[in-house]
């Protein structure tokens, strides 16, 4: 992380990290914002389901060349801890992709904070999983409960898109 593909203006790094019960904001990120109008897209879902791989694939599609900017692996552990970001420009628009730590994987003590933070920051939230069932809805319960209190306080709620993998 923390890399730049200068010929394409793609920046990446760590945005938030969980430290015990606190959320730590990584300050080096502020310098890369440039007061732009940025569309924020968050990728959330259970751990080890391919969220980072999907984002790498999305960027490969957008730029029509192989881009592997996010760390991926084949172990049982998280590849992403906290929230990593990728900032890129395409066709005059600036996007910020947030790659979130997997929820409902190992310790889930930060899941509600992670979900609520992405909900508050994002224009679009993509829920990435292998299938949809009752546990999918259970994972999103904190957002549903919290959103009732935010109806009149945020610009507009993010769009929620479900991405179900097709094998």
Foldseek 3Di string as FASTA:
>chain_A
DQDAPVVFGKGKDAAWADDPPDIDGDPVVVVVPPPDDEAEEEEAEAAPACQLVVVQVVVCVQVVHRGNPQDDDDDLDWSDGAWMWMWGDDPRHIYIYIYGTGAPGDDRPCLLVSLVVCFQPHQEYEYEHQDDDPVNVVSCVSVVVVVVVCCPPGPHTHHYHYDHDDD
